[in-house]
Amino acid sequence: MSSEISSKPHVIDVRGYSCPYPQYFTMRALRTLREDEVLEILLDNLPSLEIVQDYARKHGCKSVSAEKIGDNVWKITIRK
């Protein structure tokens, strides 16, 4: 088992899922990340866009950003 931080982001694709599943999958993924690792979440559920970002901020993530990458598709990037 390596103690190195992954330089590649961890990616979860929750397109097609509605609340509460994007938040649930994000919560589970964040538990596995080490400090300074990055998680990218692809989603198409607008209410989840804000909820997932709020969750990450409230749980001490260093950086949270979102960008629209397609028609009704967003990518949230979180640095733990």
Protein backbone atom coordinates (compact mmCIF):
# COMPACT_ATOMS: atom_id res chain seq x y z
CA MET A 1 0.00 0.00 0.00
CA SER A 2 1.46 3.31 -1.07
CA SER A 3 1.42 6.42 1.09
CA GLU A 4 1.71 8.70 -1.95
CA ILE A 5 -1.11 11.07 -2.83
CA SER A 6 -2.70 10.28 -6.17
CA SER A 7 -2.07 12.94 -8.82
CA LYS A 8 -5.06 11.74 -10.83
CA PRO A 9 -8.48 12.85 -9.64
CA HIS A 10 -10.95 10.28 -8.40
CA VAL A 11 -14.07 10.48 -10.58
CA ILE A 12 -17.65 9.51 -9.81
CA ASP A 13 -20.37 9.74 -12.44
CA VAL A 14 -23.81 10.23 -10.93
CA ARG A 15 -25.55 11.39 -14.10
CA GLY A 16 -29.06 10.01 -14.15
CA TYR A 17 -29.35 9.94 -10.35
CA SER A 18 -31.56 12.31 -8.39
CA CYS A 19 -31.40 13.36 -4.73
CA PRO A 20 -30.22 11.93 -2.42
CA TYR A 21 -27.96 9.61 -4.43
CA PRO A 22 -25.39 12.15 -5.70
CA GLN A 23 -24.85 13.36 -2.13
CA TYR A 24 -24.62 9.81 -0.80
CA PHE A 25 -22.05 8.72 -3.40
CA THR A 26 -20.05 11.92 -2.80
CA MET A 27 -20.06 11.34 0.96
CA ARG A 28 -18.78 7.79 0.50
CA ALA A 29 -16.07 8.87 -1.96
CA LEU A 30 -14.84 11.70 0.28
CA ARG A 31 -14.37 9.24 3.15
CA THR A 32 -11.80 7.34 1.08
CA LEU A 33 -9.79 10.37 -0.05
CA ARG A 34 -6.63 11.49 1.65
CA GLU A 35 -5.77 15.11 2.30
CA ASP A 36 -5.03 17.04 -0.93
CA GLU A 37 -6.54 14.36 -3.19
CA VAL A 38 -9.11 15.50 -5.74
CA LEU A 39 -12.60 14.18 -6.41
CA GLU A 40 -14.50 15.03 -9.59
CA ILE A 41 -18.24 14.46 -9.69
CA LEU A 42 -20.19 14.45 -12.94
CA LEU A 43 -23.89 15.14 -12.47
CA ASP A 44 -27.01 16.28 -14.27
CA ASN A 45 -29.32 16.97 -11.33
CA LEU A 46 -29.42 20.72 -10.66
CA PRO A 47 -30.61 20.53 -7.01
CA SER A 48 -27.73 18.15 -6.25
CA LEU A 49 -25.23 20.62 -7.72
CA GLU A 50 -25.65 23.03 -4.80
CA ILE A 51 -26.23 20.35 -2.16
CA VAL A 52 -23.03 18.45 -3.01
CA GLN A 53 -20.94 21.65 -2.99
CA ASP A 54 -22.43 22.72 0.35
CA TYR A 55 -21.74 19.28 1.83
CA ALA A 56 -18.07 19.41 0.79
CA ARG A 57 -17.58 22.92 2.18
CA LYS A 58 -19.25 22.05 5.48
CA HIS A 59 -16.99 19.02 5.85
CA GLY A 60 -13.73 20.93 5.54
CA CYS A 61 -12.74 20.41 1.93
CA LYS A 62 -10.10 22.93 0.85
CA SER A 63 -11.43 23.74 -2.58
CA VAL A 64 -14.81 23.29 -4.21
CA SER A 65 -15.68 24.46 -7.71
CA ALA A 66 -18.26 23.65 -10.37
CA GLU A 67 -18.37 24.13 -14.09
CA LYS A 68 -20.93 23.36 -16.75
CA ILE A 69 -19.36 20.90 -19.19
CA GLY A 70 -22.31 20.05 -21.39
CA ASP A 71 -26.01 20.41 -21.93
CA ASN A 72 -27.38 20.01 -18.40
CA VAL A 73 -24.13 18.37 -17.18
CA TRP A 74 -21.83 19.80 -14.51
CA LYS A 75 -18.49 18.79 -13.06
CA ILE A 76 -17.80 19.52 -9.40
CA THR A 77 -14.14 19.44 -8.38
CA ILE A 78 -13.35 18.97 -4.69
CA ARG A 79 -9.91 19.00 -3.05
CA LYS A 80 -9.97 17.35 0.34
